[in-house]
C-alpha cells in the first residue's frame, strides 16, 4: 500500500461522515424506530446514513468492501476478500438517538486486511469529530489526545454497560465495587472516550464488532490496549450480523490488567 491510498481514504472518510451530521441532528429525538429480531432498535436515519456514506465512498473506491450493521438482506457471514474494507455503525446508541438522549455517534472504520487502521467517529453529544489510528495519532476535533495516565483513585472512571447475560454479573459487580462507573448507552463513545482520556478504561459484555471497529484504532494510537476476553476478533475475516456478543476491556496497560484481574484473569465464555 502506498501512502496516497490510505491518505485518500482517510480524507474521504471524514468528508463522508461529516456530510451526514446535518441529518443526524435534524432527526435527533424525532425519528420513528422499530425493533429488529436481535433486540436492537433501528430507525430510517440509520439506513439513510449507511446508504449515504457508502454511496459516497463507493463512488471513489469501488474495489473496497462496505459492511454495515444495517446491511440490507445480509444472510450469514460475509468473507472479507478485499484489501480495504469499511465497517460502519451508522448510529451507535440508536436507543439514545430515538429517545432524544444525546450520547450517540456515527462510527466508521477503515480496515486493511481485516485490521482496523483508522477510525472516524462523530460524537453528536459534543458536536465533535474524533479520528485517528496507529501512526497518525488521535484527534478530538483539532486537539491531539492520549489515554489517561492518572493513577487509580476513588475518582477513576470506567465505562460499563450492564451485562445482558446475567452470568457476567459477578464480573460487573467487582468492577462496580472498585471504580466509578459511566454508562452512556454508546459502546463506541465509551471506547473513544478512553482514547481521549475522558474515561480511564471501559468494559463491555454485549457488543458486536461494528460497535468497536472505529474506536479500536483510536485507543491503540493513543497508547492504550483492547483485550478481547471471549475469543480474538481481529483481524476481521468475516462480517456476520448474527455474531456472538464480544466481551472486552480497554484502557492503558495497567488499567487493562486491573480490569482483567477484577473480572477473573483469562477468557470469559
Protein backbone atom coordinates (compact mmCIF):
# COMPACT_ATOMS: atom_id res chain seq x y z
CA UNK A 1 0.00 0.00 0.00
CA UNK A 2 1.39 3.39 -0.82
CA UNK A 3 0.65 6.30 1.49
CA UNK A 4 -1.59 8.05 -1.02
CA UNK A 5 -4.05 5.14 -1.00
CA UNK A 6 -4.51 5.36 2.75
CA UNK A 7 -4.47 9.15 2.95
CA UNK A 8 -7.09 9.48 0.24
CA UNK A 9 -9.39 7.09 2.10
CA UNK A 10 -8.88 8.89 5.41
CA UNK A 11 -9.79 12.23 3.86
CA UNK A 12 -12.81 10.71 2.12
CA UNK A 13 -13.97 9.06 5.37
CA UNK A 14 -14.01 12.38 7.21
CA UNK A 15 -15.95 14.05 4.41
CA UNK A 16 -18.45 11.21 4.18
CA UNK A 17 -19.17 11.18 7.91
CA UNK A 18 -19.43 14.95 8.21
CA UNK A 19 -21.83 15.02 5.25
CA UNK A 20 -24.35 13.04 7.35
CA UNK A 21 -24.26 15.13 10.51
CA UNK A 22 -27.00 17.56 9.44
CA UNK A 23 -29.39 14.63 9.02
CA UNK A 24 -28.30 13.19 12.37
CA UNK A 25 -29.04 16.44 14.20
CA UNK A 26 -32.24 17.20 12.29
CA UNK A 27 -33.84 13.86 13.15
CA UNK A 28 -32.42 13.55 16.67
CA UNK A 29 -35.23 12.58 19.06
CA UNK A 30 -37.78 12.66 16.22
CA UNK A 31 -37.10 9.61 14.07
CA UNK A 32 -39.54 6.73 14.29
CA UNK A 33 -37.95 3.43 15.23
CA UNK A 34 -38.64 -0.28 15.20
CA UNK A 35 -37.14 -3.27 16.96
CA UNK A 36 -35.07 -5.76 14.99
CA UNK A 37 -35.05 -9.51 15.56
CA UNK A 38 -31.84 -9.29 17.60
CA UNK A 39 -33.47 -6.92 20.09
CA UNK A 40 -31.73 -3.76 18.86
CA UNK A 41 -33.51 -0.63 17.68
CA UNK A 42 -33.24 0.83 14.17
CA UNK A 43 -34.56 3.99 12.52
CA UNK A 44 -34.82 5.12 8.94
CA UNK A 45 -31.97 7.51 9.74
CA UNK A 46 -29.63 4.57 10.44
CA UNK A 47 -30.38 3.21 6.98
CA UNK A 48 -30.13 6.63 5.28
CA UNK A 49 -26.75 7.37 6.88
CA UNK A 50 -25.42 3.93 5.95
CA UNK A 51 -26.53 4.34 2.35
CA UNK A 52 -25.24 7.91 2.12
CA UNK A 53 -21.76 7.15 3.45
CA UNK A 54 -21.32 4.03 1.36
CA UNK A 55 -22.65 5.72 -1.77
CA UNK A 56 -20.04 8.46 -1.42
CA UNK A 57 -17.16 6.12 -0.60
CA UNK A 58 -18.21 3.55 -3.19
CA UNK A 59 -18.03 6.14 -5.94
CA UNK A 60 -14.36 6.71 -5.09
CA UNK A 61 -13.21 3.24 -4.01
CA UNK A 62 -15.26 0.76 -5.99
CA UNK A 63 -12.95 -2.16 -5.20
CA UNK A 64 -13.37 -1.85 -1.43
CA UNK A 65 -15.89 -3.79 0.66
CA UNK A 66 -18.62 -1.96 2.54
CA UNK A 67 -20.03 -3.58 5.69
CA UNK A 68 -22.69 -2.02 7.91
CA UNK A 69 -24.83 -3.02 10.85
CA UNK A 70 -27.74 -2.02 8.62
CA UNK A 71 -26.86 -4.15 5.61
CA UNK A 72 -29.95 -4.93 3.58
CA UNK A 73 -30.76 -8.61 3.13
CA UNK A 74 -27.49 -9.79 4.68
CA UNK A 75 -27.64 -13.51 5.50
CA UNK A 76 -24.78 -15.34 7.14
CA UNK A 77 -21.12 -14.46 7.33
CA UNK A 78 -19.61 -12.29 4.59
CA UNK A 79 -15.93 -13.10 3.91
CA UNK A 80 -13.56 -10.16 3.73
CA UNK A 81 -11.83 -10.57 0.40
CA UNK A 82 -10.67 -7.03 -0.44
CA UNK A 83 -7.55 -5.35 0.84
CA UNK A 84 -9.63 -2.48 2.16
CA UNK A 85 -12.97 -2.86 3.91
CA UNK A 86 -15.16 -0.32 5.68
CA UNK A 87 -17.09 -1.23 8.83
CA UNK A 88 -19.88 1.16 9.76
CA UNK A 89 -22.25 1.63 12.64
CA UNK A 90 -24.41 4.43 11.23
CA UNK A 91 -25.77 5.33 14.66
CA UNK A 92 -24.18 3.71 17.67
CA UNK A 93 -26.61 4.39 20.50
CA UNK A 94 -29.79 4.23 18.44
CA UNK A 95 -31.88 3.87 21.61
CA UNK A 96 -30.50 7.19 22.80
CA UNK A 97 -30.94 8.80 19.39
CA UNK A 98 -34.58 7.77 19.10
CA UNK A 99 -35.37 8.90 22.64
CA UNK A 100 -33.57 12.24 22.43
CA UNK A 101 -30.60 11.29 24.63
CA UNK A 102 -27.52 12.87 23.10
CA UNK A 103 -24.92 10.13 23.62
CA UNK A 104 -24.79 8.59 20.14
CA UNK A 105 -22.34 8.56 17.28
CA UNK A 106 -21.62 7.76 13.65
CA UNK A 107 -18.74 5.26 13.70
CA UNK A 108 -16.76 4.41 10.55
CA UNK A 109 -13.67 2.18 10.48
CA UNK A 110 -11.24 1.63 7.63
CA UNK A 111 -9.72 -1.85 7.71
CA UNK A 112 -6.72 -3.18 5.83
CA UNK A 113 -6.62 -6.97 5.56
CA UNK A 114 -9.28 -7.08 8.28
CA UNK A 115 -7.40 -4.91 10.77
CA UNK A 116 -8.96 -1.53 11.67
CA UNK A 117 -6.27 1.03 10.83
CA UNK A 118 -8.19 4.30 11.07
CA UNK A 119 -11.41 5.38 12.75
CA UNK A 120 -13.71 8.34 12.19
CA UNK A 121 -16.38 9.00 14.82
CA UNK A 122 -18.86 11.84 15.03
CA UNK A 123 -19.94 12.47 18.61
CA UNK A 124 -23.40 14.06 18.46
CA UNK A 125 -23.41 15.00 22.14
CA UNK A 126 -20.33 17.22 21.77
CA UNK A 127 -20.69 18.01 18.04
CA UNK A 128 -17.14 16.74 17.67
CA UNK A 129 -15.27 14.62 15.12
CA UNK A 130 -12.82 12.16 16.65
CA UNK A 131 -10.40 10.41 14.34
CA UNK A 132 -7.07 8.66 14.22
CA UNK A 133 -5.13 5.45 14.01
CA UNK A 134 -1.69 3.94 14.67
CA UNK A 135 0.99 6.05 13.04
CA UNK A 136 -1.34 9.04 12.73
CA UNK A 137 -2.15 9.98 16.31
CA UNK A 138 -5.63 10.66 17.69
CA UNK A 139 -7.58 13.89 17.48
CA UNK A 140 -10.60 15.08 19.40
CA UNK A 141 -11.58 17.79 16.96
CA UNK A 142 -8.26 19.56 16.36
CA UNK A 143 -6.76 18.57 19.72
CA UNK A 144 -4.25 15.71 19.89
CA UNK A 145 -5.13 13.34 22.75
CA UNK A 146 -3.84 10.27 24.56
CA UNK A 147 -5.20 7.76 27.05
CA UNK A 148 -5.32 8.72 30.72
CA UNK A 149 -2.15 8.40 32.74
CA UNK A 150 -3.82 9.19 36.05
CA UNK A 151 -3.15 6.79 38.94
CA UNK A 152 -6.06 4.69 40.19
CA UNK A 153 -8.09 6.59 42.80
CA UNK A 154 -11.64 6.68 44.12
CA UNK A 155 -12.36 9.06 41.20
CA UNK A 156 -11.20 6.68 38.45
CA UNK A 157 -13.91 6.44 35.77
CA UNK A 158 -14.75 3.26 33.86
CA UNK A 159 -17.34 2.96 31.11
CA UNK A 160 -19.60 -0.03 31.71
CA UNK A 161 -22.92 -1.33 30.41
CA UNK A 162 -24.94 -3.85 32.39
CA UNK A 163 -24.34 -7.35 31.00
CA UNK A 164 -27.18 -8.92 29.06
CA UNK A 165 -26.02 -12.36 30.20
CA UNK A 166 -26.53 -12.44 33.96
CA UNK A 167 -23.72 -14.96 34.28
CA UNK A 168 -21.43 -11.94 33.89
CA UNK A 169 -22.96 -10.05 36.82
CA UNK A 170 -20.21 -11.10 39.30
CA UNK A 171 -17.55 -9.64 36.99
CA UNK A 172 -19.55 -6.43 36.56
CA UNK A 173 -20.13 -6.20 40.31
CA UNK A 174 -16.40 -6.50 41.01
CA UNK A 175 -15.75 -3.50 38.77
CA UNK A 176 -18.62 -1.53 40.30
CA UNK A 177 -17.10 -2.07 43.73
CA UNK A 178 -13.72 -0.72 42.63
CA UNK A 179 -14.35 2.23 40.29
CA UNK A 180 -16.79 4.99 39.48
CA UNK A 181 -18.96 3.99 36.52
CA UNK A 182 -20.30 5.79 33.47
CA UNK A 183 -22.92 4.09 31.31
CA UNK A 184 -23.59 6.27 28.28
CA UNK A 185 -25.60 3.90 26.09
CA UNK A 186 -22.98 4.02 23.33
CA UNK A 187 -20.19 1.44 23.26
CA UNK A 188 -18.40 3.43 20.56
CA UNK A 189 -18.24 6.52 22.76
CA UNK A 190 -17.06 4.54 25.79
CA UNK A 191 -14.10 3.26 23.80
CA UNK A 192 -13.47 6.58 22.04
CA UNK A 193 -13.51 8.42 25.38
CA UNK A 194 -10.81 6.04 26.62
CA UNK A 195 -8.68 7.22 23.69
CA UNK A 196 -9.26 10.86 24.65
CA UNK A 197 -8.52 10.27 28.35
CA UNK A 198 -12.03 11.27 29.45
CA UNK A 199 -12.58 7.72 30.71
CA UNK A 200 -9.78 5.80 32.38
CA UNK A 201 -10.98 2.47 30.99
CA UNK A 202 -14.04 0.61 29.78
CA UNK A 203 -15.61 -2.84 29.87
CA UNK A 204 -18.44 -4.35 27.89
CA UNK A 205 -20.14 -7.72 27.72
CA UNK A 206 -22.69 -7.05 24.97
CA UNK A 207 -21.04 -5.56 21.91
CA UNK A 208 -20.52 -6.56 18.28
CA UNK A 209 -17.54 -5.68 16.12
CA UNK A 210 -19.25 -2.72 14.41
CA UNK A 211 -19.67 -1.10 17.84
CA UNK A 212 -15.90 -1.15 18.35
CA UNK A 213 -14.14 -1.13 14.98
CA UNK A 214 -13.90 2.66 14.57
CA UNK A 215 -12.70 3.28 18.14
CA UNK A 216 -10.12 0.48 18.34
CA UNK A 217 -7.50 2.29 16.19
CA UNK A 218 -8.06 5.44 18.26
CA UNK A 219 -7.28 3.62 21.51
CA UNK A 220 -4.22 1.89 20.07
CA UNK A 221 -2.86 5.12 18.60
CA UNK A 222 -3.46 6.90 21.91
CA UNK A 223 -1.29 4.45 23.83
CA UNK A 224 -3.99 2.10 25.08
CA UNK A 225 -4.89 -1.55 24.62
CA UNK A 226 -8.02 -3.52 23.79
CA UNK A 227 -8.24 -7.05 25.25
CA UNK A 228 -10.87 -9.47 23.94
CA UNK A 229 -11.80 -11.95 26.65
CA UNK A 230 -14.05 -14.43 24.83
CA UNK A 231 -12.14 -15.02 21.63
CA UNK A 232 -9.86 -12.90 19.46
CA UNK A 233 -11.81 -10.74 17.00
CA UNK A 234 -9.09 -9.27 14.78
CA UNK A 235 -8.10 -9.36 12.06
CA UNK A 236 -11.69 -9.49 10.90
CA UNK A 237 -12.08 -12.34 8.43
CA UNK A 238 -15.86 -12.37 8.13
CA UNK A 239 -18.64 -9.90 8.85
CA UNK A 240 -21.65 -11.55 10.41
CA UNK A 241 -24.70 -9.71 11.71
CA UNK A 242 -25.50 -12.83 13.74
CA UNK A 243 -22.16 -12.93 15.52
CA UNK A 244 -21.94 -13.62 19.26
CA UNK A 245 -21.52 -10.78 21.72
CA UNK A 246 -17.97 -9.66 22.46
CA UNK A 247 -16.58 -9.31 25.98
CA UNK A 248 -13.63 -6.92 26.22
CA UNK A 249 -11.71 -4.46 28.37
CA UNK A 250 -9.78 -1.40 27.22
CA UNK A 251 -7.55 1.31 28.63
CA UNK A 252 -3.92 1.95 29.38
CA UNK A 253 -1.97 -1.28 30.01
CA UNK A 254 -2.20 -1.02 33.81
CA UNK A 255 -5.96 -0.46 33.65
CA UNK A 256 -6.47 -3.44 31.34
CA UNK A 257 -4.51 -5.59 33.76
CA UNK A 258 -6.56 -4.41 36.72
CA UNK A 259 -9.88 -4.89 34.94
CA UNK A 260 -8.91 -8.39 33.88
CA UNK A 261 -7.86 -9.17 37.43
CA UNK A 262 -11.19 -7.98 38.80
CA UNK A 263 -13.13 -9.96 36.22
CA UNK A 264 -11.10 -13.13 36.70
CA UNK A 265 -7.97 -13.20 34.59
CA UNK A 266 -8.28 -15.05 31.30
CA UNK A 267 -11.06 -15.89 28.96
CA UNK A 268 -14.71 -15.15 29.62
CA UNK A 269 -17.11 -17.56 27.95
